[in-house]
Amino acid sequence: MQTRAFGVLKASARLAQAAARDPDDLAELDTLVRRTVTALRQLETALSRAE
């Protein structure tokens, strides 16, 4: 579960860095948003299975 939580942190940090570096690169931001959402869903799944 810690791995999944770290994945969410890492993905969101990459998104934040990209947004600060080049907020007009919508293709890159869209990709990173999707990766962040995927990481969050993986964490949600892991939490649901742990219950």
Protein backbone atom coordinates (compact mmCIF):
# COMPACT_ATOMS: atom_id res chain seq x y z
CA MET A 1 0.00 0.00 0.00
CA GLN A 2 2.90 2.33 0.70
CA THR A 3 4.08 1.81 -2.86
CA ARG A 4 0.69 2.90 -4.20
CA ALA A 5 0.63 5.98 -1.96
CA PHE A 6 4.14 6.90 -3.09
CA GLY A 7 2.99 6.50 -6.70
CA VAL A 8 0.26 9.09 -6.15
CA LEU A 9 2.76 11.50 -4.59
CA LYS A 10 5.27 11.00 -7.38
CA ALA A 11 2.69 11.41 -10.14
CA SER A 12 1.20 14.54 -8.59
CA ALA A 13 4.67 16.04 -8.06
CA ARG A 14 5.52 15.45 -11.72
CA LEU A 15 2.26 17.10 -12.70
CA ALA A 16 2.97 20.11 -10.50
CA GLN A 17 6.49 20.46 -11.90
CA ALA A 18 5.26 20.31 -15.48
CA ALA A 19 2.52 22.85 -14.77
CA ALA A 20 5.05 25.26 -13.27
CA ARG A 21 7.60 24.68 -16.05
CA ASP A 22 5.28 25.03 -19.05
CA PRO A 23 1.59 25.60 -18.28
CA ASP A 24 0.80 25.90 -22.00
CA ASP A 25 1.90 22.35 -22.86
CA LEU A 26 -1.55 20.88 -22.58
CA ALA A 27 -0.61 17.56 -24.16
CA GLU A 28 2.01 16.89 -21.49
CA LEU A 29 -0.28 18.08 -18.70
CA ASP A 30 -3.09 15.86 -19.95
CA THR A 31 -0.77 12.85 -19.96
CA LEU A 32 0.40 13.62 -16.43
CA VAL A 33 -3.16 14.15 -15.18
CA ARG A 34 -4.09 10.73 -16.55
CA ARG A 35 -1.09 9.15 -14.84
CA THR A 36 -2.02 10.82 -11.56
CA VAL A 37 -5.61 9.60 -11.82
CA THR A 38 -4.38 6.09 -12.60
CA ALA A 39 -2.10 6.13 -9.56
CA LEU A 40 -4.96 7.36 -7.39
CA ARG A 41 -7.27 4.62 -8.66
CA GLN A 42 -4.61 2.02 -7.93
CA LEU A 43 -4.35 3.33 -4.37
CA GLU A 44 -8.13 3.28 -3.99
CA THR A 45 -8.20 -0.34 -5.18
CA ALA A 46 -5.47 -1.32 -2.74
CA LEU A 47 -7.33 0.38 0.12
CA SER A 48 -10.59 -1.34 -0.81
CA ARG A 49 -8.92 -4.73 -0.85
CA ALA A 50 -7.32 -4.07 2.53
CA GLU A 51 -10.68 -3.55 4.23
